[in-house]
Amino acid sequence: MLDPHHTEKPSAQHKDSVVPDYHEVLFNAPIGVSLSTTGGHFIMVNAALAGMFGYDSPQEMIDSVKDISGQLYADQIPLNNFIH
């Protein structure tokens, strides 16, 4: 049970075991997640997103897609619409 009067900070070892690794959480999410540059190139995609687009792996998608808006969007909208 949490004690609201407890003021001792967790040790570094305890903190590491409690704080999730957000990169791993996003990478293993059951929904499609990506990080990209403003120039329209993927930095990271997770397995769920790669699978949605028919790629066998995230790396295959990163290597294959050179223009996100031109290759993946049906209306080929500029990526700038999402940046602003």
N, C-alpha and C. Protein backbone atom coordinates (compact mmCIF):
# COMPACT_ATOMS: atom_id res chain seq x y z
N MET A 1 0.84 -1.18 0.00
CA MET A 1 0.00 0.00 0.00
C MET A 1 0.88 1.24 0.00
N LEU A 2 0.47 2.26 -0.76
CA LEU A 2 1.24 3.50 -0.83
C LEU A 2 0.97 4.36 0.39
N ASP A 3 2.02 4.88 0.96
CA ASP A 3 1.92 5.75 2.12
C ASP A 3 2.10 7.20 1.65
N PRO A 4 1.07 8.06 1.73
CA PRO A 4 1.19 9.43 1.23
C PRO A 4 2.18 10.27 2.03
N HIS A 5 2.57 9.80 3.19
CA HIS A 5 3.51 10.55 4.03
C HIS A 5 4.95 10.09 3.81
N HIS A 6 5.14 9.09 2.98
CA HIS A 6 6.47 8.56 2.69
C HIS A 6 7.18 9.52 1.74
N THR A 7 8.31 10.06 2.15
CA THR A 7 9.01 11.07 1.35
C THR A 7 10.31 10.56 0.75
N GLU A 8 10.72 9.37 1.07
CA GLU A 8 11.97 8.84 0.54
C GLU A 8 11.83 8.58 -0.95
N LYS A 9 12.80 9.07 -1.72
CA LYS A 9 12.78 8.86 -3.16
C LYS A 9 13.22 7.44 -3.47
N PRO A 10 12.68 6.86 -4.55
CA PRO A 10 13.09 5.50 -4.90
C PRO A 10 14.55 5.49 -5.35
N SER A 11 15.22 4.39 -5.08
CA SER A 11 16.61 4.25 -5.51
C SER A 11 16.64 4.16 -7.03
N ALA A 12 17.81 4.38 -7.62
CA ALA A 12 17.95 4.30 -9.08
C ALA A 12 17.57 2.91 -9.57
N GLN A 13 17.94 1.88 -8.82
CA GLN A 13 17.62 0.51 -9.23
C GLN A 13 16.10 0.31 -9.21
N HIS A 14 15.45 0.78 -8.17
CA HIS A 14 13.99 0.64 -8.07
C HIS A 14 13.30 1.45 -9.16
N LYS A 15 13.78 2.66 -9.39
CA LYS A 15 13.19 3.53 -10.41
C LYS A 15 13.27 2.87 -11.78
N ASP A 16 14.40 2.26 -12.11
CA ASP A 16 14.54 1.60 -13.41
C ASP A 16 13.57 0.44 -13.58
N SER A 17 13.23 -0.22 -12.50
CA SER A 17 12.31 -1.35 -12.61
C SER A 17 10.85 -0.90 -12.66
N VAL A 18 10.57 0.35 -12.26
CA VAL A 18 9.21 0.85 -12.22
C VAL A 18 8.87 1.66 -13.48
N VAL A 19 9.81 2.45 -13.95
CA VAL A 19 9.58 3.31 -15.10
C VAL A 19 9.66 2.48 -16.38
N PRO A 20 8.60 2.49 -17.20
CA PRO A 20 8.62 1.68 -18.42
C PRO A 20 9.57 2.26 -19.46
N ASP A 21 10.08 1.42 -20.29
CA ASP A 21 10.90 1.84 -21.42
C ASP A 21 9.92 2.19 -22.53
N TYR A 22 9.67 3.48 -22.72
CA TYR A 22 8.64 3.91 -23.65
C TYR A 22 8.94 3.51 -25.08
N HIS A 23 10.19 3.44 -25.45
CA HIS A 23 10.53 2.97 -26.79
C HIS A 23 10.02 1.55 -26.99
N GLU A 24 10.21 0.69 -26.00
CA GLU A 24 9.73 -0.69 -26.09
C GLU A 24 8.20 -0.75 -26.09
N VAL A 25 7.58 0.10 -25.30
CA VAL A 25 6.11 0.14 -25.26
C VAL A 25 5.57 0.50 -26.64
N LEU A 26 6.11 1.53 -27.26
CA LEU A 26 5.65 1.95 -28.58
C LEU A 26 5.99 0.93 -29.65
N PHE A 27 7.19 0.39 -29.58
CA PHE A 27 7.63 -0.56 -30.61
C PHE A 27 6.78 -1.83 -30.58
N ASN A 28 6.33 -2.24 -29.41
CA ASN A 28 5.54 -3.46 -29.27
C ASN A 28 4.03 -3.22 -29.20
N ALA A 29 3.60 -1.99 -29.44
CA ALA A 29 2.17 -1.66 -29.38
C ALA A 29 1.39 -2.42 -30.45
N PRO A 30 0.15 -2.78 -30.15
CA PRO A 30 -0.68 -3.49 -31.14
C PRO A 30 -1.28 -2.56 -32.20
N ILE A 31 -0.96 -1.27 -32.12
CA ILE A 31 -1.42 -0.30 -33.12
C ILE A 31 -0.21 0.22 -33.88
N GLY A 32 -0.43 0.73 -35.06
CA GLY A 32 0.68 1.26 -35.86
C GLY A 32 1.24 2.54 -35.29
N VAL A 33 2.56 2.57 -35.10
CA VAL A 33 3.24 3.74 -34.55
C VAL A 33 4.49 3.99 -35.39
N SER A 34 4.76 5.26 -35.67
CA SER A 34 5.97 5.59 -36.42
C SER A 34 6.54 6.92 -35.95
N LEU A 35 7.80 7.12 -36.25
CA LEU A 35 8.47 8.40 -36.10
C LEU A 35 9.05 8.71 -37.47
N SER A 36 8.93 9.97 -37.89
CA SER A 36 9.45 10.32 -39.21
C SER A 36 10.09 11.69 -39.17
N THR A 37 10.85 11.97 -40.22
CA THR A 37 11.47 13.28 -40.37
C THR A 37 10.47 14.21 -41.03
N THR A 38 10.72 15.50 -40.97
CA THR A 38 9.86 16.47 -41.65
C THR A 38 9.98 16.33 -43.16
N GLY A 39 11.01 15.65 -43.63
CA GLY A 39 11.21 15.42 -45.06
C GLY A 39 10.45 14.22 -45.59
N GLY A 40 9.74 13.51 -44.73
CA GLY A 40 8.92 12.40 -45.20
C GLY A 40 9.61 11.05 -45.21
N HIS A 41 10.61 10.89 -44.35
CA HIS A 41 11.32 9.61 -44.25
C HIS A 41 11.10 9.01 -42.87
N PHE A 42 10.87 7.70 -42.82
CA PHE A 42 10.69 7.04 -41.53
C PHE A 42 12.01 6.94 -40.78
N ILE A 43 11.93 7.19 -39.47
CA ILE A 43 13.04 6.94 -38.55
C ILE A 43 12.80 5.61 -37.86
N MET A 44 11.52 5.38 -37.48
CA MET A 44 11.14 4.16 -36.78
C MET A 44 9.70 3.84 -37.12
N VAL A 45 9.43 2.56 -37.36
CA VAL A 45 8.06 2.07 -37.46
C VAL A 45 7.98 0.81 -36.62
N ASN A 46 6.82 0.53 -36.07
CA ASN A 46 6.70 -0.70 -35.30
C ASN A 46 6.16 -1.82 -36.19
N ALA A 47 6.19 -3.03 -35.66
CA ALA A 47 5.79 -4.21 -36.43
C ALA A 47 4.32 -4.14 -36.85
N ALA A 48 3.47 -3.56 -36.00
CA ALA A 48 2.05 -3.46 -36.34
C ALA A 48 1.85 -2.59 -37.59
N LEU A 49 2.52 -1.46 -37.66
CA LEU A 49 2.38 -0.58 -38.83
C LEU A 49 2.94 -1.25 -40.07
N ALA A 50 4.11 -1.86 -39.94
CA ALA A 50 4.71 -2.55 -41.09
C ALA A 50 3.77 -3.63 -41.61
N GLY A 51 3.17 -4.39 -40.72
CA GLY A 51 2.23 -5.43 -41.12
C GLY A 51 1.00 -4.88 -41.80
N MET A 52 0.50 -3.73 -41.33
CA MET A 52 -0.68 -3.11 -41.95
C MET A 52 -0.43 -2.78 -43.42
N PHE A 53 0.80 -2.43 -43.73
CA PHE A 53 1.13 -2.06 -45.10
C PHE A 53 1.74 -3.22 -45.89
N GLY A 54 1.75 -4.41 -45.30
CA GLY A 54 2.18 -5.60 -46.02
C GLY A 54 3.68 -5.87 -46.00
N TYR A 55 4.40 -5.19 -45.15
CA TYR A 55 5.84 -5.43 -45.05
C TYR A 55 6.11 -6.54 -44.04
N ASP A 56 7.17 -7.30 -44.28
CA ASP A 56 7.53 -8.40 -43.38
C ASP A 56 8.20 -7.94 -42.10
N SER A 57 8.77 -6.73 -42.11
CA SER A 57 9.47 -6.23 -40.92
C SER A 57 9.47 -4.71 -40.92
N PRO A 58 9.66 -4.12 -39.76
CA PRO A 58 9.78 -2.66 -39.70
C PRO A 58 10.95 -2.14 -40.55
N GLN A 59 12.07 -2.84 -40.51
CA GLN A 59 13.23 -2.38 -41.28
C GLN A 59 12.95 -2.39 -42.78
N GLU A 60 12.21 -3.41 -43.25
CA GLU A 60 11.85 -3.47 -44.67
C GLU A 60 11.02 -2.24 -45.06
N MET A 61 10.10 -1.84 -44.19
CA MET A 61 9.28 -0.66 -44.48
C MET A 61 10.12 0.60 -44.49
N ILE A 62 10.99 0.74 -43.51
CA ILE A 62 11.87 1.92 -43.44
C ILE A 62 12.72 2.02 -44.71
N ASP A 63 13.27 0.87 -45.14
CA ASP A 63 14.14 0.86 -46.31
C ASP A 63 13.37 1.09 -47.61
N SER A 64 12.11 0.69 -47.66
CA SER A 64 11.32 0.76 -48.90
C SER A 64 10.62 2.09 -49.11
N VAL A 65 10.16 2.71 -48.05
CA VAL A 65 9.38 3.95 -48.18
C VAL A 65 10.33 5.14 -48.14
N LYS A 66 10.42 5.83 -49.26
CA LYS A 66 11.30 6.99 -49.37
C LYS A 66 10.53 8.32 -49.35
N ASP A 67 9.20 8.24 -49.56
CA ASP A 67 8.35 9.43 -49.57
C ASP A 67 7.01 9.03 -48.96
N ILE A 68 6.84 9.28 -47.66
CA ILE A 68 5.66 8.81 -46.94
C ILE A 68 4.37 9.29 -47.60
N SER A 69 4.23 10.58 -47.84
CA SER A 69 2.98 11.09 -48.38
C SER A 69 2.75 10.59 -49.81
N GLY A 70 3.78 10.48 -50.60
CA GLY A 70 3.64 10.02 -51.98
C GLY A 70 3.38 8.53 -52.11
N GLN A 71 3.91 7.74 -51.20
CA GLN A 71 3.79 6.29 -51.30
C GLN A 71 2.66 5.70 -50.46
N LEU A 72 2.27 6.35 -49.37
CA LEU A 72 1.33 5.73 -48.45
C LEU A 72 -0.04 6.39 -48.38
N TYR A 73 -0.16 7.65 -48.74
CA TYR A 73 -1.44 8.34 -48.65
C TYR A 73 -2.17 8.30 -49.99
N ALA A 74 -3.43 7.92 -49.98
CA ALA A 74 -4.21 7.83 -51.20
C ALA A 74 -4.36 9.21 -51.87
N ASP A 75 -4.53 10.26 -51.08
CA ASP A 75 -4.70 11.60 -51.63
C ASP A 75 -3.39 12.34 -51.80
N GLN A 76 -2.31 11.72 -51.44
CA GLN A 76 -0.97 12.29 -51.52
C GLN A 76 -0.92 13.71 -50.96
N ILE A 77 -1.48 13.85 -49.75
CA ILE A 77 -1.48 15.14 -49.08
C ILE A 77 -0.06 15.46 -48.61
N PRO A 78 0.28 16.73 -48.57
CA PRO A 78 1.61 17.06 -48.07
C PRO A 78 1.78 16.71 -46.60
N LEU A 79 2.91 16.18 -46.26
CA LEU A 79 3.21 15.83 -44.88
C LEU A 79 3.17 17.07 -43.99
N ASN A 80 3.38 18.24 -44.58
CA ASN A 80 3.35 19.48 -43.80
C ASN A 80 2.01 19.71 -43.12
N ASN A 81 0.92 19.16 -43.66
CA ASN A 81 -0.39 19.32 -43.03
C ASN A 81 -0.41 18.70 -41.65
N PHE A 82 0.40 17.67 -41.40
CA PHE A 82 0.44 17.02 -40.09
C PHE A 82 1.43 17.67 -39.15
N ILE A 83 2.36 18.41 -39.69
CA ILE A 83 3.40 19.03 -38.88
C ILE A 83 2.87 20.27 -38.19
N HIS A 84 1.95 20.98 -38.81
CA HIS A 84 1.45 22.24 -38.25
C HIS A 84 0.32 22.00 -37.32
